[in-house]
Amino acid sequence: MKEKAFKPRFLNRKRITKMLRGLLDVPLFMICSPVGYGKTTAVKNFLSACGDIPYSWLALSSGEDDEVWAWRKFAASQSARAPLCSGL
């Protein structure tokens, strides 16, 4: 008996995609939810489907709660796209 190969598929969540589409109208947004809710998968799939959209990815864990450090990490993530931020 020949077994079928497992082919993983992503769940297309229309409500989440619609919400993400609305975020293209704002200059900055943040997505927060507990681990395992599919944030990374949903956003990466959305961005790849949209084509050439400039974006930065900043991941913070629960232990990273220093506001100054978080904003510096954010500024550093922008430095490649916006050289004026590189001195922060």
PDB file of N, CA and C in Angstrom:
ATOM      1  N   MET A   1       0.838  -1.165   0.000  1.00  0.00           N
ATOM      2  CA  MET A   1       0.000   0.000   0.000  1.00  0.00           C
ATOM      3  C   MET A   1       0.895   1.245   0.000  1.00  0.00           C
ATOM      4  N   LYS A   2       0.618   2.142  -0.885  1.00  0.00           N
ATOM      5  CA  LYS A   2       1.404   3.367  -1.001  1.00  0.00           C
ATOM      6  C   LYS A   2       0.762   4.476  -0.163  1.00  0.00           C
ATOM      7  N   GLU A   3       1.564   5.103   0.708  1.00  0.00           N
ATOM      8  CA  GLU A   3       1.048   6.178   1.540  1.00  0.00           C
ATOM      9  C   GLU A   3       1.148   7.505   0.807  1.00  0.00           C
ATOM     10  N   LYS A   4       0.165   8.345   1.039  1.00  0.00           N
ATOM     11  CA  LYS A   4       0.183   9.680   0.448  1.00  0.00           C
ATOM     12  C   LYS A   4       1.149  10.559   1.235  1.00  0.00           C
ATOM     13  N   ALA A   5       1.874  11.395   0.516  1.00  0.00           N
ATOM     14  CA  ALA A   5       2.794  12.321   1.175  1.00  0.00           C
ATOM     15  C   ALA A   5       1.996  13.422   1.865  1.00  0.00           C
ATOM     16  N   PHE A   6       2.459  13.790   3.029  1.00  0.00           N
ATOM     17  CA  PHE A   6       1.811  14.864   3.775  1.00  0.00           C
ATOM     18  C   PHE A   6       2.176  16.194   3.139  1.00  0.00           C
ATOM     19  N   LYS A   7       1.183  16.981   2.790  1.00  0.00           N
ATOM     20  CA  LYS A   7       1.399  18.299   2.201  1.00  0.00           C
ATOM     21  C   LYS A   7       0.755  19.336   3.120  1.00  0.00           C
ATOM     22  N   PRO A   8       1.588  20.054   3.868  1.00  0.00           N
ATOM     23  CA  PRO A   8       1.009  21.067   4.765  1.00  0.00           C
ATOM     24  C   PRO A   8       0.366  22.200   3.972  1.00  0.00           C
ATOM     25  N   ARG A   9      -0.740  22.701   4.470  1.00  0.00           N
ATOM     26  CA  ARG A   9      -1.418  23.825   3.834  1.00  0.00           C
ATOM     27  C   ARG A   9      -1.657  24.894   4.889  1.00  0.00           C
ATOM     28  N   PHE A  10      -1.666  26.123   4.427  1.00  0.00           N
ATOM     29  CA  PHE A  10      -1.935  27.222   5.337  1.00  0.00           C
ATOM     30  C   PHE A  10      -3.414  27.538   5.321  1.00  0.00           C
ATOM     31  N   LEU A  11      -3.914  27.872   6.469  1.00  0.00           N
ATOM     32  CA  LEU A  11      -5.302  28.266   6.596  1.00  0.00           C
ATOM     33  C   LEU A  11      -5.426  29.725   6.180  1.00  0.00           C
ATOM     34  N   ASN A  12      -6.237  29.987   5.170  1.00  0.00           N
ATOM     35  CA  ASN A  12      -6.454  31.356   4.716  1.00  0.00           C
ATOM     36  C   ASN A  12      -7.573  31.954   5.550  1.00  0.00           C
ATOM     37  N   ARG A  13      -7.225  32.914   6.358  1.00  0.00           N
ATOM     38  CA  ARG A  13      -8.207  33.543   7.230  1.00  0.00           C
ATOM     39  C   ARG A  13      -8.615  34.875   6.635  1.00  0.00           C
ATOM     40  N   LYS A  14      -9.779  34.907   6.021  1.00  0.00           N
ATOM     41  CA  LYS A  14     -10.241  36.091   5.298  1.00  0.00           C
ATOM     42  C   LYS A  14     -10.393  37.300   6.211  1.00  0.00           C
ATOM     43  N   ARG A  15     -10.877  37.098   7.409  1.00  0.00           N
ATOM     44  CA  ARG A  15     -11.074  38.217   8.338  1.00  0.00           C
ATOM     45  C   ARG A  15      -9.730  38.859   8.691  1.00  0.00           C
ATOM     46  N   ILE A  16      -8.722  38.045   8.951  1.00  0.00           N
ATOM     47  CA  ILE A  16      -7.407  38.574   9.299  1.00  0.00           C
ATOM     48  C   ILE A  16      -6.778  39.267   8.088  1.00  0.00           C
ATOM     49  N   THR A  17      -6.911  38.675   6.910  1.00  0.00           N
ATOM     50  CA  THR A  17      -6.379  39.285   5.696  1.00  0.00           C
ATOM     51  C   THR A  17      -7.038  40.634   5.443  1.00  0.00           C
ATOM     52  N   LYS A  18      -8.340  40.729   5.662  1.00  0.00           N
ATOM     53  CA  LYS A  18      -9.055  41.993   5.476  1.00  0.00           C
ATOM     54  C   LYS A  18      -8.537  43.048   6.454  1.00  0.00           C
ATOM     55  N   MET A  19      -8.305  42.659   7.697  1.00  0.00           N
ATOM     56  CA  MET A  19      -7.773  43.581   8.689  1.00  0.00           C
ATOM     57  C   MET A  19      -6.372  44.035   8.306  1.00  0.00           C
ATOM     58  N   LEU A  20      -5.535  43.115   7.854  1.00  0.00           N
ATOM     59  CA  LEU A  20      -4.180  43.467   7.453  1.00  0.00           C
ATOM     60  C   LEU A  20      -4.189  44.415   6.259  1.00  0.00           C
ATOM     61  N   ARG A  21      -5.094  44.215   5.335  1.00  0.00           N
ATOM     62  CA  ARG A  21      -5.213  45.095   4.170  1.00  0.00           C
ATOM     63  C   ARG A  21      -5.499  46.530   4.614  1.00  0.00           C
ATOM     64  N   GLY A  22      -6.311  46.688   5.632  1.00  0.00           N
ATOM     65  CA  GLY A  22      -6.630  48.010   6.155  1.00  0.00           C
ATOM     66  C   GLY A  22      -5.439  48.696   6.801  1.00  0.00           C
ATOM     67  N   LEU A  23      -4.476  47.926   7.263  1.00  0.00           N
ATOM     68  CA  LEU A  23      -3.300  48.494   7.901  1.00  0.00           C
ATOM     69  C   LEU A  23      -2.343  49.145   6.916  1.00  0.00           C
ATOM     70  N   LEU A  24      -2.528  48.888   5.624  1.00  0.00           N
ATOM     71  CA  LEU A  24      -1.659  49.507   4.620  1.00  0.00           C
ATOM     72  C   LEU A  24      -1.881  51.007   4.530  1.00  0.00           C
ATOM     73  N   ASP A  25      -2.956  51.504   5.126  1.00  0.00           N
ATOM     74  CA  ASP A  25      -3.267  52.931   5.095  1.00  0.00           C
ATOM     75  C   ASP A  25      -2.594  53.711   6.220  1.00  0.00           C
ATOM     76  N   VAL A  26      -1.917  53.031   7.129  1.00  0.00           N
ATOM     77  CA  VAL A  26      -1.264  53.706   8.251  1.00  0.00           C
ATOM     78  C   VAL A  26       0.251  53.494   8.165  1.00  0.00           C
ATOM     79  N   PRO A  27       1.033  54.433   8.686  1.00  0.00           N
ATOM     80  CA  PRO A  27       2.482  54.317   8.553  1.00  0.00           C
ATOM     81  C   PRO A  27       3.136  53.278   9.479  1.00  0.00           C
ATOM     82  N   LEU A  28       2.481  52.961  10.588  1.00  0.00           N
ATOM     83  CA  LEU A  28       3.071  52.041  11.554  1.00  0.00           C
ATOM     84  C   LEU A  28       1.967  51.284  12.277  1.00  0.00           C
ATOM     85  N   PHE A  29       2.159  49.989  12.433  1.00  0.00           N
ATOM     86  CA  PHE A  29       1.204  49.217  13.221  1.00  0.00           C
ATOM     87  C   PHE A  29       1.934  48.123  13.973  1.00  0.00           C
ATOM     88  N   MET A  30       1.288  47.637  15.014  1.00  0.00           N
ATOM     89  CA  MET A  30       1.858  46.600  15.851  1.00  0.00           C
ATOM     90  C   MET A  30       0.822  45.496  16.040  1.00  0.00           C
ATOM     91  N   ILE A  31       1.285  44.270  15.992  1.00  0.00           N
ATOM     92  CA  ILE A  31       0.405  43.124  16.193  1.00  0.00           C
ATOM     93  C   ILE A  31       0.866  42.404  17.457  1.00  0.00           C
ATOM     94  N   CYS A  32      -0.050  42.205  18.382  1.00  0.00           N
ATOM     95  CA  CYS A  32       0.275  41.539  19.650  1.00  0.00           C
ATOM     96  C   CYS A  32      -0.737  40.434  19.926  1.00  0.00           C
ATOM     97  N   SER A  33      -0.242  39.289  20.280  1.00  0.00           N
ATOM     98  CA  SER A  33      -1.077  38.194  20.760  1.00  0.00           C
ATOM     99  C   SER A  33      -0.144  37.128  21.321  1.00  0.00           C
ATOM    100  N   PRO A  34      -0.679  36.198  22.088  1.00  0.00           N
ATOM    101  CA  PRO A  34       0.167  35.157  22.673  1.00  0.00           C
ATOM    102  C   PRO A  34       0.841  34.277  21.616  1.00  0.00           C
ATOM    103  N   VAL A  35       1.871  33.587  22.058  1.00  0.00           N
ATOM    104  CA  VAL A  35       2.604  32.655  21.202  1.00  0.00           C
ATOM    105  C   VAL A  35       1.654  31.605  20.637  1.00  0.00           C
ATOM    106  N   GLY A  36       1.823  31.276  19.369  1.00  0.00           N
ATOM    107  CA  GLY A  36       1.055  30.203  18.758  1.00  0.00           C
ATOM    108  C   GLY A  36      -0.241  30.611  18.088  1.00  0.00           C
ATOM    109  N   TYR A  37      -0.537  31.894  18.032  1.00  0.00           N
ATOM    110  CA  TYR A  37      -1.788  32.354  17.429  1.00  0.00           C
ATOM    111  C   TYR A  37      -1.686  32.576  15.921  1.00  0.00           C
ATOM    112  N   GLY A  38      -0.498  32.422  15.352  1.00  0.00           N
ATOM    113  CA  GLY A  38      -0.339  32.513  13.899  1.00  0.00           C
ATOM    114  C   GLY A  38      -0.012  33.895  13.367  1.00  0.00           C
ATOM    115  N   LYS A  39       0.504  34.772  14.224  1.00  0.00           N
ATOM    116  CA  LYS A  39       0.837  36.141  13.796  1.00  0.00           C
ATOM    117  C   LYS A  39       1.862  36.130  12.671  1.00  0.00           C
ATOM    118  N   THR A  40       2.967  35.456  12.887  1.00  0.00           N
ATOM    119  CA  THR A  40       4.046  35.434  11.912  1.00  0.00           C
ATOM    120  C   THR A  40       3.586  34.855  10.586  1.00  0.00           C
ATOM    121  N   THR A  41       2.896  33.746  10.630  1.00  0.00           N
ATOM    122  CA  THR A  41       2.412  33.108   9.403  1.00  0.00           C
ATOM    123  C   THR A  41       1.441  34.007   8.659  1.00  0.00           C
ATOM    124  N   ALA A  42       0.496  34.590   9.368  1.00  0.00           N
ATOM    125  CA  ALA A  42      -0.503  35.443   8.721  1.00  0.00           C
ATOM    126  C   ALA A  42       0.134  36.664   8.074  1.00  0.00           C
ATOM    127  N   VAL A  43       1.023  37.337   8.786  1.00  0.00           N
ATOM    128  CA  VAL A  43       1.628  38.558   8.252  1.00  0.00           C
ATOM    129  C   VAL A  43       2.581  38.242   7.101  1.00  0.00           C
ATOM    130  N   LYS A  44       3.399  37.217   7.245  1.00  0.00           N
ATOM    131  CA  LYS A  44       4.326  36.868   6.165  1.00  0.00           C
ATOM    132  C   LYS A  44       3.576  36.437   4.906  1.00  0.00           C
ATOM    133  N   ASN A  45       2.518  35.664   5.051  1.00  0.00           N
ATOM    134  CA  ASN A  45       1.721  35.277   3.884  1.00  0.00           C
ATOM    135  C   ASN A  45       1.072  36.495   3.239  1.00  0.00           C
ATOM    136  N   PHE A  46       0.568  37.407   4.055  1.00  0.00           N
ATOM    137  CA  PHE A  46      -0.055  38.624   3.548  1.00  0.00           C
ATOM    138  C   PHE A  46       0.955  39.466   2.774  1.00  0.00           C
ATOM    139  N   LEU A  47       2.129  39.687   3.362  1.00  0.00           N
ATOM    140  CA  LEU A  47       3.142  40.507   2.710  1.00  0.00           C
ATOM    141  C   LEU A  47       3.639  39.889   1.414  1.00  0.00           C
ATOM    142  N   SER A  48       3.804  38.581   1.393  1.00  0.00           N
ATOM    143  CA  SER A  48       4.260  37.941   0.156  1.00  0.00           C
ATOM    144  C   SER A  48       3.194  38.014  -0.935  1.00  0.00           C
ATOM    145  N   ALA A  49       1.931  37.983  -0.555  1.00  0.00           N
ATOM    146  CA  ALA A  49       0.842  38.093  -1.536  1.00  0.00           C
ATOM    147  C   ALA A  49       0.707  39.522  -2.069  1.00  0.00           C
ATOM    148  N   CYS A  50       1.118  40.513  -1.265  1.00  0.00           N
ATOM    149  CA  CYS A  50       0.993  41.919  -1.672  1.00  0.00           C
ATOM    150  C   CYS A  50       2.078  42.344  -2.645  1.00  0.00           C
ATOM    151  N   GLY A  51       3.142  41.624  -2.717  1.00  0.00           N
ATOM    152  CA  GLY A  51       4.223  42.022  -3.622  1.00  0.00           C
ATOM    153  C   GLY A  51       5.283  42.836  -2.913  1.00  0.00           C
ATOM    154  N   ASP A  52       5.730  43.886  -3.578  1.00  0.00           N
ATOM    155  CA  ASP A  52       6.863  44.672  -3.109  1.00  0.00           C
ATOM    156  C   ASP A  52       6.430  45.803  -2.180  1.00  0.00           C
ATOM    157  N   ILE A  53       6.171  45.470  -0.932  1.00  0.00           N
ATOM    158  CA  ILE A  53       5.786  46.459   0.075  1.00  0.00           C
ATOM    159  C   ILE A  53       6.948  46.576   1.062  1.00  0.00           C
ATOM    160  N   PRO A  54       7.446  47.802   1.280  1.00  0.00           N
ATOM    161  CA  PRO A  54       8.529  47.938   2.266  1.00  0.00           C
ATOM    162  C   PRO A  54       8.002  47.691   3.683  1.00  0.00           C
ATOM    163  N   TYR A  55       8.748  46.928   4.453  1.00  0.00           N
ATOM    164  CA  TYR A  55       8.345  46.651   5.830  1.00  0.00           C
ATOM    165  C   TYR A  55       9.566  46.338   6.678  1.00  0.00           C
ATOM    166  N   SER A  56       9.419  46.447   7.954  1.00  0.00           N
ATOM    167  CA  SER A  56      10.439  46.041   8.917  1.00  0.00           C
ATOM    168  C   SER A  56       9.782  45.091   9.903  1.00  0.00           C
ATOM    169  N   TRP A  57      10.544  44.132  10.349  1.00  0.00           N
ATOM    170  CA  TRP A  57      10.031  43.129  11.281  1.00  0.00           C
ATOM    171  C   TRP A  57      10.785  43.278  12.589  1.00  0.00           C
ATOM    172  N   LEU A  58      10.074  43.504  13.656  1.00  0.00           N
ATOM    173  CA  LEU A  58      10.678  43.650  14.972  1.00  0.00           C
ATOM    174  C   LEU A  58       9.939  42.721  15.921  1.00  0.00           C
ATOM    175  N   ALA A  59      10.637  41.728  16.425  1.00  0.00           N
ATOM    176  CA  ALA A  59      10.018  40.775  17.355  1.00  0.00           C
ATOM    177  C   ALA A  59      10.528  41.043  18.767  1.00  0.00           C
ATOM    178  N   LEU A  60       9.621  41.156  19.690  1.00  0.00           N
ATOM    179  CA  LEU A  60       9.965  41.358  21.099  1.00  0.00           C
ATOM    180  C   LEU A  60       9.358  40.221  21.915  1.00  0.00           C
ATOM    181  N   SER A  61      10.134  39.707  22.835  1.00  0.00           N
ATOM    182  CA  SER A  61       9.601  38.663  23.707  1.00  0.00           C
ATOM    183  C   SER A  61       9.107  39.291  25.007  1.00  0.00           C
ATOM    184  N   SER A  62       8.461  38.506  25.816  1.00  0.00           N
ATOM    185  CA  SER A  62       7.862  39.036  27.050  1.00  0.00           C
ATOM    186  C   SER A  62       8.898  39.599  28.012  1.00  0.00           C
ATOM    187  N   GLY A  63      10.122  39.129  27.966  1.00  0.00           N
ATOM    188  CA  GLY A  63      11.158  39.628  28.858  1.00  0.00           C
ATOM    189  C   GLY A  63      11.784  40.927  28.405  1.00  0.00           C
ATOM    190  N   GLU A  64      11.485  41.357  27.201  1.00  0.00           N
ATOM    191  CA  GLU A  64      12.063  42.576  26.644  1.00  0.00           C
ATOM    192  C   GLU A  64      11.099  43.742  26.876  1.00  0.00           C
ATOM    193  N   ASP A  65      11.075  44.212  28.110  1.00  0.00           N
ATOM    194  CA  ASP A  65      10.091  45.230  28.468  1.00  0.00           C
ATOM    195  C   ASP A  65      10.701  46.595  28.802  1.00  0.00           C
ATOM    196  N   ASP A  66      11.934  46.811  28.390  1.00  0.00           N
ATOM    197  CA  ASP A  66      12.573  48.116  28.574  1.00  0.00           C
ATOM    198  C   ASP A  66      12.204  48.988  27.376  1.00  0.00           C
ATOM    199  N   GLU A  67      11.437  50.056  27.621  1.00  0.00           N
ATOM    200  CA  GLU A  67      10.921  50.893  26.531  1.00  0.00           C
ATOM    201  C   GLU A  67      12.037  51.546  25.724  1.00  0.00           C
ATOM    202  N   VAL A  68      13.070  52.042  26.401  1.00  0.00           N
ATOM    203  CA  VAL A  68      14.177  52.698  25.699  1.00  0.00           C
ATOM    204  C   VAL A  68      14.872  51.701  24.790  1.00  0.00           C
ATOM    205  N   TRP A  69      15.160  50.521  25.314  1.00  0.00           N
ATOM    206  CA  TRP A  69      15.814  49.480  24.515  1.00  0.00           C
ATOM    207  C   TRP A  69      14.948  49.085  23.325  1.00  0.00           C
ATOM    208  N   ALA A  70      13.635  48.944  23.527  1.00  0.00           N
ATOM    209  CA  ALA A  70      12.736  48.542  22.438  1.00  0.00           C
ATOM    210  C   ALA A  70      12.715  49.597  21.333  1.00  0.00           C
ATOM    211  N   TRP A  71      12.655  50.876  21.694  1.00  0.00           N
ATOM    212  CA  TRP A  71      12.661  51.931  20.670  1.00  0.00           C
ATOM    213  C   TRP A  71      13.993  52.007  19.953  1.00  0.00           C
ATOM    214  N   ARG A  72      15.077  51.753  20.660  1.00  0.00           N
ATOM    215  CA  ARG A  72      16.392  51.728  19.989  1.00  0.00           C
ATOM    216  C   ARG A  72      16.475  50.550  19.019  1.00  0.00           C
ATOM    217  N   LYS A  73      15.930  49.427  19.416  1.00  0.00           N
ATOM    218  CA  LYS A  73      15.904  48.265  18.519  1.00  0.00           C
ATOM    219  C   LYS A  73      15.053  48.577  17.290  1.00  0.00           C
ATOM    220  N   PHE A  74      13.940  49.273  17.504  1.00  0.00           N
ATOM    221  CA  PHE A  74      13.091  49.683  16.383  1.00  0.00           C
ATOM    222  C   PHE A  74      13.846  50.635  15.455  1.00  0.00           C
ATOM    223  N   ALA A  75      14.515  51.643  16.034  1.00  0.00           N
ATOM    224  CA  ALA A  75      15.275  52.596  15.222  1.00  0.00           C
ATOM    225  C   ALA A  75      16.372  51.891  14.428  1.00  0.00           C
ATOM    226  N   ALA A  76      17.026  50.926  15.050  1.00  0.00           N
ATOM    227  CA  ALA A  76      18.071  50.171  14.346  1.00  0.00           C
ATOM    228  C   ALA A  76      17.480  49.373  13.188  1.00  0.00           C
ATOM    229  N   SER A  77      16.270  48.864  13.352  1.00  0.00           N
ATOM    230  CA  SER A  77      15.640  48.101  12.268  1.00  0.00           C
ATOM    231  C   SER A  77      15.287  49.008  11.094  1.00  0.00           C
ATOM    232  N   GLN A  78      15.168  50.306  11.355  1.00  0.00           N
ATOM    233  CA  GLN A  78      14.838  51.271  10.300  1.00  0.00           C
ATOM    234  C   GLN A  78      16.077  51.838   9.616  1.00  0.00           C
ATOM    235  N   SER A  79      17.243  51.702  10.207  1.00  0.00           N
ATOM    236  CA  SER A  79      18.435  52.377   9.712  1.00  0.00           C
ATOM    237  C   SER A  79      18.815  51.974   8.286  1.00  0.00           C
ATOM    238  N   ALA A  80      18.554  50.746   7.901  1.00  0.00           N
ATOM    239  CA  ALA A  80      18.881  50.316   6.537  1.00  0.00           C
ATOM    240  C   ALA A  80      17.984  51.003   5.510  1.00  0.00           C
ATOM    241  N   ARG A  81      16.755  51.313   5.906  1.00  0.00           N
ATOM    242  CA  ARG A  81      15.814  51.946   4.983  1.00  0.00           C
ATOM    243  C   ARG A  81      15.779  53.459   5.120  1.00  0.00           C
ATOM    244  N   ALA A  82      16.173  53.964   6.274  1.00  0.00           N
ATOM    245  CA  ALA A  82      16.125  55.408   6.524  1.00  0.00           C
ATOM    246  C   ALA A  82      17.431  55.829   7.203  1.00  0.00           C
ATOM    247  N   PRO A  83      18.438  56.220   6.424  1.00  0.00           N
ATOM    248  CA  PRO A  83      19.763  56.510   6.993  1.00  0.00           C
ATOM    249  C   PRO A  83      19.742  57.568   8.101  1.00  0.00           C
ATOM    250  N   LEU A  84      18.757  58.440   8.176  1.00  0.00           N
ATOM    251  CA  LEU A  84      18.716  59.437   9.229  1.00  0.00           C
ATOM    252  C   LEU A  84      18.554  58.808  10.613  1.00  0.00           C
ATOM    253  N   CYS A  85      18.046  57.599  10.677  1.00  0.00           N
ATOM    254  CA  CYS A  85      17.862  56.906  11.962  1.00  0.00           C
ATOM    255  C   CYS A  85      19.126  56.209  12.426  1.00  0.00           C
ATOM    256  N   SER A  86      20.141  56.116  11.577  1.00  0.00           N
ATOM    257  CA  SER A  86      21.300  55.291  11.904  1.00  0.00           C
ATOM    258  C   SER A  86      22.108  55.812  13.089  1.00  0.00           C
ATOM    259  N   GLY A  87      21.970  57.093  13.434  1.00  0.00           N
ATOM    260  CA  GLY A  87      22.722  57.635  14.560  1.00  0.00           C
ATOM    261  C   GLY A  87      22.058  57.426  15.909  1.00  0.00           C
ATOM    262  N   LEU A  88      20.883  56.833  15.943  1.00  0.00           N
ATOM    263  CA  LEU A  88      20.177  56.654  17.212  1.00  0.00           C
ATOM    264  C   LEU A  88      20.722  55.475  17.991  1.00  0.00           C
TER     265      LEU A  88
END
